[in-house]
């Protein structure tokens, strides 16, 4: 596999509690909980978008630019077939304020008072303006 310099998720193991909140936001299924810690299963599955970063309650995830396997969209499609029926990859995200799902309205990961939450685009003004 060809190595390229690109951004990829790095998980600081010492900060990871293994809560699993980062697993479902990863549309590619690149992150899994292995032996009680979040791990990037295979570099070529991580697109570096970083949707997982906003939901980590301990800040254990960050984006790092380094030499890694190139992103492989075909490998992602094959991997998604394998994980399709695993419950940890099939969590429907909901807005923490109005319970709307990710299928009804776009959601944004936020941190509030130390907790990681998802909030829909309609509820963001409530957070900003009270």
Protein backbone atom coordinates (compact mmCIF):
# COMPACT_ATOMS: atom_id res chain seq x y z
CA UNK A 1 0.00 0.00 0.00
CA UNK A 2 1.24 3.46 -0.94
CA UNK A 3 2.26 5.80 1.89
CA UNK A 4 1.30 9.48 1.62
CA UNK A 5 1.51 12.48 3.93
CA UNK A 6 -2.01 13.37 5.06
CA UNK A 7 -4.12 14.16 8.12
CA UNK A 8 -5.33 11.21 10.13
CA UNK A 9 -6.91 10.73 13.55
CA UNK A 10 -4.45 10.07 16.35
CA UNK A 11 -5.75 8.61 19.60
CA UNK A 12 -3.81 9.44 22.75
CA UNK A 13 -4.20 6.12 24.56
CA UNK A 14 -3.39 7.56 27.98
CA UNK A 15 -6.41 9.91 27.71
CA UNK A 16 -8.83 7.38 26.20
CA UNK A 17 -11.37 5.92 28.62
CA UNK A 18 -12.83 3.51 26.07
CA UNK A 19 -16.28 5.13 26.28
CA UNK A 20 -16.91 4.47 22.57
CA UNK A 21 -18.49 7.84 21.77
CA UNK A 22 -16.04 8.25 18.87
CA UNK A 23 -17.05 5.00 17.13
CA UNK A 24 -20.42 5.88 15.61
CA UNK A 25 -19.55 9.38 14.26
CA UNK A 26 -16.89 7.75 12.08
CA UNK A 27 -18.77 7.18 8.84
CA UNK A 28 -16.00 4.94 7.55
CA UNK A 29 -15.92 2.66 10.60
CA UNK A 30 -12.20 3.28 11.07
CA UNK A 31 -12.39 3.52 14.88
CA UNK A 32 -13.11 0.52 17.10
CA UNK A 33 -12.82 -0.19 20.80
CA UNK A 34 -10.09 -2.80 21.18
CA UNK A 35 -9.05 -4.05 24.61
CA UNK A 36 -10.88 -1.15 26.26
CA UNK A 37 -9.35 1.66 24.17
CA UNK A 38 -10.33 3.41 20.94
CA UNK A 39 -8.05 2.52 18.05
CA UNK A 40 -7.87 3.45 14.38
CA UNK A 41 -8.37 -0.06 13.01
CA UNK A 42 -6.66 0.55 9.65
CA UNK A 43 -5.09 3.82 8.47
CA UNK A 44 -6.56 3.53 4.97
CA UNK A 45 -10.09 3.63 6.42
CA UNK A 46 -9.64 7.02 8.15
CA UNK A 47 -10.44 9.96 5.89
CA UNK A 48 -9.19 12.50 8.43
CA UNK A 49 -12.48 14.43 8.54
CA UNK A 50 -12.38 14.41 12.34
CA UNK A 51 -16.09 14.09 13.19
CA UNK A 52 -15.01 11.85 16.07
CA UNK A 53 -12.94 14.62 17.70
CA UNK A 54 -15.87 16.72 18.89
CA UNK A 55 -17.52 13.94 20.85
CA UNK A 56 -14.54 12.69 22.84
CA UNK A 57 -15.13 13.70 26.47
CA UNK A 58 -11.43 13.54 27.39
CA UNK A 59 -9.89 15.16 24.31
CA UNK A 60 -8.00 11.96 23.48
CA UNK A 61 -8.48 12.37 19.72
CA UNK A 62 -6.67 14.83 17.50
CA UNK A 63 -5.75 15.20 13.85
CA UNK A 64 -2.12 14.65 12.99
CA UNK A 65 -0.41 15.05 9.64
CA UNK A 66 1.98 12.21 9.02
CA UNK A 67 3.10 9.57 6.54
CA UNK A 68 0.40 6.86 6.45
CA UNK A 69 -1.41 4.54 4.06
CA UNK A 70 -3.45 6.45 1.49
CA UNK A 71 -7.21 6.71 2.11
CA UNK A 72 -8.91 3.83 0.29
CA UNK A 73 -12.60 4.37 -0.43
CA UNK A 74 -12.98 0.86 -1.84
CA UNK A 75 -11.58 -0.61 1.41
CA UNK A 76 -14.10 1.52 3.33
CA UNK A 77 -17.00 0.06 1.35
CA UNK A 78 -15.75 -3.49 1.97
CA UNK A 79 -15.18 -2.78 5.68
CA UNK A 80 -18.68 -1.32 6.05
CA UNK A 81 -20.14 -4.60 4.78
CA UNK A 82 -18.28 -6.45 7.54
CA UNK A 83 -19.41 -4.09 10.34
CA UNK A 84 -22.95 -3.49 9.03
CA UNK A 85 -24.68 -5.54 11.73
CA UNK A 86 -22.47 -4.64 14.69
CA UNK A 87 -24.53 -2.51 17.13
CA UNK A 88 -21.64 -0.18 18.04
CA UNK A 89 -21.54 0.99 14.41
CA UNK A 90 -25.31 1.46 14.11
CA UNK A 91 -26.10 4.14 16.67
CA UNK A 92 -28.49 6.87 15.57
CA UNK A 93 -27.31 10.22 16.87
CA UNK A 94 -29.91 12.54 18.40
CA UNK A 95 -29.93 16.20 19.30
CA UNK A 96 -29.47 16.49 23.07
CA UNK A 97 -31.98 19.36 23.18
CA UNK A 98 -34.88 18.28 20.95
CA UNK A 99 -34.27 14.56 20.21
CA UNK A 100 -34.30 15.06 16.42
CA UNK A 101 -32.16 12.39 14.72
CA UNK A 102 -29.28 12.76 12.31
CA UNK A 103 -31.64 11.54 9.57
CA UNK A 104 -34.03 14.44 10.13
CA UNK A 105 -31.58 17.32 10.50
CA UNK A 106 -27.80 17.87 10.46
CA UNK A 107 -26.14 17.48 13.87
CA UNK A 108 -22.99 19.12 15.19
CA UNK A 109 -20.81 17.71 17.98
CA UNK A 110 -20.34 20.16 20.85
CA UNK A 111 -18.86 20.22 24.32
CA UNK A 112 -20.89 21.77 27.10
CA UNK A 113 -19.90 21.82 30.76
CA UNK A 114 -17.37 19.08 30.12
CA UNK A 115 -19.84 16.77 28.38
CA UNK A 116 -19.82 15.88 24.70
CA UNK A 117 -23.18 16.16 22.98
CA UNK A 118 -24.80 16.37 19.57
CA UNK A 119 -26.96 19.40 18.77
CA UNK A 120 -29.05 19.95 15.64
CA UNK A 121 -28.62 23.05 13.54
CA UNK A 122 -31.97 24.46 14.71
CA UNK A 123 -31.00 24.23 18.38
CA UNK A 124 -27.60 25.90 18.00
CA UNK A 125 -29.13 29.41 18.34
CA UNK A 126 -30.68 28.35 21.68
CA UNK A 127 -27.19 27.52 22.94
CA UNK A 128 -25.75 30.79 21.67
CA UNK A 129 -28.56 33.13 22.71
CA UNK A 130 -30.08 31.21 25.62
